[in-house]
Amino acid sequence: MNARRFLRDDSGIAAIEFAAVLMIAVVLIVGTIELALEMIVDATVQVAAQEASRVGLTTTSPATGTRQQQALAIVNRILSGWTKLGAKVVVAESNYGTFGNLANASYTPTSDMGAYGDVVVYNIELTMQGVTGIPKMFGVNQLTFQRNYIVQNEK
């Protein structure tokens, strides 16, 4: 008789259902937070690339340092919050001279910001681990955010 009453007893069902759904809900919530942070990182890299390419557009030398140093300082300032969290930032400029050289696979660009009229490609790459650990759960150990800008220098 006690076994029948025990099998029909449904008290505590809500707690069991809650426990079963809790882990899935937590992973979904933390995953959403991770995705939002990754979108913020991506937007920040976009802003850094835009600002760095604006420095390179003009062929006039800054009052202090070089244009490359100034562009690097801007990128580092914009991305400094992520580098404090362990992100690595690489900035590269490739001077192709003309738009035609972009399509020429045998052309080797120089790594400078070019002169008046030169076509320069700016590449900013930020690599970091995920913030919450969710990407590691799916085998992604490192996230890479990259932007390339192609500009033609002007006076």
C-alpha atoms as a PDB file:
ATOM      1  CA  MET A   1       0.000   0.000   0.000  1.00  0.00           C
ATOM      2  CA  ASN A   2       2.843   2.465   0.764  1.00  0.00           C
ATOM      3  CA  ALA A   3       4.472   1.807  -2.610  1.00  0.00           C
ATOM      4  CA  ARG A   4       1.259   2.721  -4.466  1.00  0.00           C
ATOM      5  CA  ARG A   5       0.870   5.944  -2.547  1.00  0.00           C
ATOM      6  CA  PHE A   6       4.541   6.789  -3.156  1.00  0.00           C
ATOM      7  CA  LEU A   7       4.205   6.256  -6.931  1.00  0.00           C
ATOM      8  CA  ARG A   8       1.105   8.477  -7.105  1.00  0.00           C
ATOM      9  CA  ASP A   9       2.634  11.261  -5.022  1.00  0.00           C
ATOM     10  CA  ASP A  10       3.427  14.224  -7.346  1.00  0.00           C
ATOM     11  CA  SER A  11       4.754  16.678  -4.769  1.00  0.00           C
ATOM     12  CA  GLY A  12       8.184  17.968  -5.775  1.00  0.00           C
ATOM     13  CA  ILE A  13       7.634  17.530  -9.514  1.00  0.00           C
ATOM     14  CA  ALA A  14       8.111  21.262 -10.117  1.00  0.00           C
ATOM     15  CA  ALA A  15      11.488  21.195  -8.350  1.00  0.00           C
ATOM     16  CA  ILE A  16      12.643  18.259 -10.456  1.00  0.00           C
ATOM     17  CA  GLU A  17      11.501  19.947 -13.688  1.00  0.00           C
ATOM     18  CA  PHE A  18      13.210  23.170 -12.637  1.00  0.00           C
ATOM     19  CA  ALA A  19      16.481  21.337 -11.978  1.00  0.00           C
ATOM     20  CA  ALA A  20      16.269  19.633 -15.381  1.00  0.00           C
ATOM     21  CA  VAL A  21      15.701  22.903 -17.250  1.00  0.00           C
ATOM     22  CA  LEU A  22      18.044  25.100 -15.163  1.00  0.00           C
ATOM     23  CA  MET A  23      21.308  24.033 -16.816  1.00  0.00           C
ATOM     24  CA  ILE A  24      19.921  24.527 -20.306  1.00  0.00           C
ATOM     25  CA  ALA A  25      18.604  27.970 -19.349  1.00  0.00           C
ATOM     26  CA  VAL A  26      21.924  28.999 -17.778  1.00  0.00           C
ATOM     27  CA  VAL A  27      23.907  27.915 -20.858  1.00  0.00           C
ATOM     28  CA  LEU A  28      21.502  29.822 -23.125  1.00  0.00           C
ATOM     29  CA  ILE A  29      21.721  32.977 -20.998  1.00  0.00           C
ATOM     30  CA  VAL A  30      25.518  32.876 -20.691  1.00  0.00           C
ATOM     31  CA  GLY A  31      25.792  32.059 -24.402  1.00  0.00           C
ATOM     32  CA  THR A  32      23.687  35.104 -25.228  1.00  0.00           C
ATOM     33  CA  ILE A  33      25.963  37.258 -23.076  1.00  0.00           C
ATOM     34  CA  GLU A  34      29.027  35.788 -24.841  1.00  0.00           C
ATOM     35  CA  LEU A  35      27.524  36.507 -28.259  1.00  0.00           C
ATOM     36  CA  ALA A  36      26.710  40.088 -27.268  1.00  0.00           C
ATOM     37  CA  LEU A  37      30.268  40.634 -26.010  1.00  0.00           C
ATOM     38  CA  GLU A  38      31.683  39.209 -29.220  1.00  0.00           C
ATOM     39  CA  MET A  39      29.519  41.590 -31.229  1.00  0.00           C
ATOM     40  CA  ILE A  40      30.863  44.480 -29.138  1.00  0.00           C
ATOM     41  CA  VAL A  41      34.464  43.331 -29.744  1.00  0.00           C
ATOM     42  CA  ASP A  42      33.760  43.086 -33.479  1.00  0.00           C
ATOM     43  CA  ALA A  43      32.288  46.599 -33.558  1.00  0.00           C
ATOM     44  CA  THR A  44      35.279  47.939 -31.618  1.00  0.00           C
ATOM     45  CA  VAL A  45      37.705  46.422 -34.139  1.00  0.00           C
ATOM     46  CA  GLN A  46      35.631  48.042 -36.897  1.00  0.00           C
ATOM     47  CA  VAL A  47      35.931  51.470 -35.262  1.00  0.00           C
ATOM     48  CA  ALA A  48      39.680  51.010 -34.712  1.00  0.00           C
ATOM     49  CA  ALA A  49      40.215  50.118 -38.372  1.00  0.00           C
ATOM     50  CA  GLN A  50      38.212  53.123 -39.554  1.00  0.00           C
ATOM     51  CA  GLU A  51      40.129  55.513 -37.317  1.00  0.00           C
ATOM     52  CA  ALA A  52      43.525  54.060 -38.281  1.00  0.00           C
ATOM     53  CA  SER A  53      42.747  54.274 -41.982  1.00  0.00           C
ATOM     54  CA  ARG A  54      41.761  57.941 -41.611  1.00  0.00           C
ATOM     55  CA  VAL A  55      45.226  58.710 -40.257  1.00  0.00           C
ATOM     56  CA  GLY A  56      46.756  56.980 -43.272  1.00  0.00           C
ATOM     57  CA  LEU A  57      44.622  58.793 -45.818  1.00  0.00           C
ATOM     58  CA  THR A  58      46.517  62.025 -45.441  1.00  0.00           C
ATOM     59  CA  THR A  59      50.139  62.117 -46.583  1.00  0.00           C
ATOM     60  CA  THR A  60      51.105  64.941 -44.227  1.00  0.00           C
ATOM     61  CA  SER A  61      53.409  63.998 -41.368  1.00  0.00           C
ATOM     62  CA  PRO A  62      52.075  64.475 -37.814  1.00  0.00           C
ATOM     63  CA  ALA A  63      53.743  66.956 -35.443  1.00  0.00           C
ATOM     64  CA  THR A  64      55.282  64.101 -33.440  1.00  0.00           C
ATOM     65  CA  GLY A  65      56.225  60.602 -34.599  1.00  0.00           C
ATOM     66  CA  THR A  66      55.198  58.974 -37.859  1.00  0.00           C
ATOM     67  CA  ARG A  67      51.809  58.254 -39.381  1.00  0.00           C
ATOM     68  CA  GLN A  68      52.308  54.554 -38.622  1.00  0.00           C
ATOM     69  CA  GLN A  69      53.010  55.307 -34.956  1.00  0.00           C
ATOM     70  CA  GLN A  70      49.984  57.579 -34.811  1.00  0.00           C
ATOM     71  CA  ALA A  71      47.714  54.941 -36.399  1.00  0.00           C
ATOM     72  CA  LEU A  72      49.042  52.262 -34.034  1.00  0.00           C
ATOM     73  CA  ALA A  73      48.452  54.543 -31.032  1.00  0.00           C
ATOM     74  CA  ILE A  74      44.843  55.090 -32.133  1.00  0.00           C
ATOM     75  CA  VAL A  75      44.239  51.350 -32.543  1.00  0.00           C
ATOM     76  CA  ASN A  76      45.825  50.590 -29.173  1.00  0.00           C
ATOM     77  CA  ARG A  77      43.748  53.301 -27.480  1.00  0.00           C
ATOM     78  CA  ILE A  78      40.484  52.017 -28.938  1.00  0.00           C
ATOM     79  CA  LEU A  79      41.243  48.333 -28.287  1.00  0.00           C
ATOM     80  CA  SER A  80      42.976  48.804 -24.915  1.00  0.00           C
ATOM     81  CA  GLY A  81      39.987  47.498 -22.961  1.00  0.00           C
ATOM     82  CA  TRP A  82      40.194  44.164 -24.765  1.00  0.00           C
ATOM     83  CA  THR A  83      43.978  43.924 -24.517  1.00  0.00           C
ATOM     84  CA  LYS A  84      43.649  44.296 -20.741  1.00  0.00           C
ATOM     85  CA  LEU A  85      41.510  41.142 -20.868  1.00  0.00           C
ATOM     86  CA  GLY A  86      44.269  39.245 -22.691  1.00  0.00           C
ATOM     87  CA  ALA A  87      43.486  40.006 -26.332  1.00  0.00           C
ATOM     88  CA  LYS A  88      46.355  40.270 -28.810  1.00  0.00           C
ATOM     89  CA  VAL A  89      46.264  42.966 -31.493  1.00  0.00           C
ATOM     90  CA  VAL A  90      48.223  42.977 -34.756  1.00  0.00           C
ATOM     91  CA  VAL A  91      48.159  45.957 -37.116  1.00  0.00           C
ATOM     92  CA  ALA A  92      49.652  45.785 -40.614  1.00  0.00           C
ATOM     93  CA  GLU A  93      49.752  48.202 -43.516  1.00  0.00           C
ATOM     94  CA  SER A  94      50.429  47.016 -47.050  1.00  0.00           C
ATOM     95  CA  ASN A  95      51.212  49.587 -49.748  1.00  0.00           C
ATOM     96  CA  TYR A  96      50.098  48.295 -53.150  1.00  0.00           C
ATOM     97  CA  GLY A  97      50.787  51.512 -55.047  1.00  0.00           C
ATOM     98  CA  THR A  98      47.821  51.154 -57.441  1.00  0.00           C
ATOM     99  CA  PHE A  99      44.466  49.394 -57.475  1.00  0.00           C
ATOM    100  CA  GLY A 100      45.739  47.185 -60.299  1.00  0.00           C
ATOM    101  CA  ASN A 101      48.369  45.679 -57.995  1.00  0.00           C
ATOM    102  CA  LEU A 102      45.638  44.469 -55.627  1.00  0.00           C
ATOM    103  CA  ALA A 103      44.519  41.936 -58.231  1.00  0.00           C
ATOM    104  CA  ASN A 104      48.066  40.964 -59.196  1.00  0.00           C
ATOM    105  CA  ALA A 105      48.930  37.863 -57.123  1.00  0.00           C
ATOM    106  CA  SER A 106      52.633  38.124 -57.993  1.00  0.00           C
ATOM    107  CA  TYR A 107      52.922  41.710 -56.670  1.00  0.00           C
ATOM    108  CA  THR A 108      54.598  42.038 -53.271  1.00  0.00           C
ATOM    109  CA  PRO A 109      53.402  45.118 -51.368  1.00  0.00           C
ATOM    110  CA  THR A 110      55.625  47.160 -49.106  1.00  0.00           C
ATOM    111  CA  SER A 111      54.727  47.476 -45.423  1.00  0.00           C
ATOM    112  CA  ASP A 112      54.288  51.230 -45.186  1.00  0.00           C
ATOM    113  CA  MET A 113      51.520  53.814 -45.365  1.00  0.00           C
ATOM    114  CA  GLY A 114      52.524  55.022 -48.813  1.00  0.00           C
ATOM    115  CA  ALA A 115      52.656  58.431 -50.437  1.00  0.00           C
ATOM    116  CA  TYR A 116      50.145  60.594 -52.299  1.00  0.00           C
ATOM    117  CA  GLY A 117      47.872  58.480 -54.483  1.00  0.00           C
ATOM    118  CA  ASP A 118      49.107  55.122 -53.173  1.00  0.00           C
ATOM    119  CA  VAL A 119      46.576  52.378 -52.415  1.00  0.00           C
ATOM    120  CA  VAL A 120      47.105  51.021 -48.901  1.00  0.00           C
ATOM    121  CA  VAL A 121      45.432  48.058 -47.206  1.00  0.00           C
ATOM    122  CA  TYR A 122      45.070  48.281 -43.431  1.00  0.00           C
ATOM    123  CA  ASN A 123      44.636  44.989 -41.589  1.00  0.00           C
ATOM    124  CA  ILE A 124      43.706  44.908 -37.922  1.00  0.00           C
ATOM    125  CA  GLU A 125      43.407  41.538 -36.218  1.00  0.00           C
ATOM    126  CA  LEU A 126      42.370  40.934 -32.621  1.00  0.00           C
ATOM    127  CA  THR A 127      42.576  37.430 -31.159  1.00  0.00           C
ATOM    128  CA  MET A 128      41.246  36.444 -27.761  1.00  0.00           C
ATOM    129  CA  GLN A 129      39.689  33.644 -25.808  1.00  0.00           C
ATOM    130  CA  GLY A 130      35.991  33.782 -25.126  1.00  0.00           C
ATOM    131  CA  VAL A 131      34.899  35.778 -22.093  1.00  0.00           C
ATOM    132  CA  THR A 132      32.506  33.254 -20.555  1.00  0.00           C
ATOM    133  CA  GLY A 133      33.995  29.923 -21.611  1.00  0.00           C
ATOM    134  CA  ILE A 134      31.027  28.958 -23.783  1.00  0.00           C
ATOM    135  CA  PRO A 135      33.102  28.885 -27.029  1.00  0.00           C
ATOM    136  CA  LYS A 136      35.491  26.357 -25.427  1.00  0.00           C
ATOM    137  CA  MET A 137      32.526  24.095 -24.744  1.00  0.00           C
ATOM    138  CA  PHE A 138      32.091  23.891 -28.521  1.00  0.00           C
ATOM    139  CA  GLY A 139      35.802  23.449 -29.303  1.00  0.00           C
ATOM    140  CA  VAL A 140      36.599  27.075 -30.141  1.00  0.00           C
ATOM    141  CA  ASN A 141      39.743  27.957 -28.185  1.00  0.00           C
ATOM    142  CA  GLN A 142      40.470  31.300 -29.821  1.00  0.00           C
ATOM    143  CA  LEU A 143      38.267  33.959 -31.388  1.00  0.00           C
ATOM    144  CA  THR A 144      39.639  36.112 -34.214  1.00  0.00           C
ATOM    145  CA  PHE A 145      38.194  39.464 -35.227  1.00  0.00           C
ATOM    146  CA  GLN A 146      39.659  41.037 -38.338  1.00  0.00           C
ATOM    147  CA  ARG A 147      39.069  44.103 -40.482  1.00  0.00           C
ATOM    148  CA  ASN A 148      40.718  45.139 -43.729  1.00  0.00           C
ATOM    149  CA  TYR A 149      40.403  48.610 -45.190  1.00  0.00           C
ATOM    150  CA  ILE A 150      41.549  49.663 -48.617  1.00  0.00           C
ATOM    151  CA  VAL A 151      42.176  53.375 -49.003  1.00  0.00           C
ATOM    152  CA  GLN A 152      43.861  55.649 -51.515  1.00  0.00           C
ATOM    153  CA  ASN A 153      46.022  58.313 -49.892  1.00  0.00           C
ATOM    154  CA  GLU A 154      45.180  61.943 -50.478  1.00  0.00           C
ATOM    155  CA  LYS A 155      46.572  65.329 -49.476  1.00  0.00           C
END
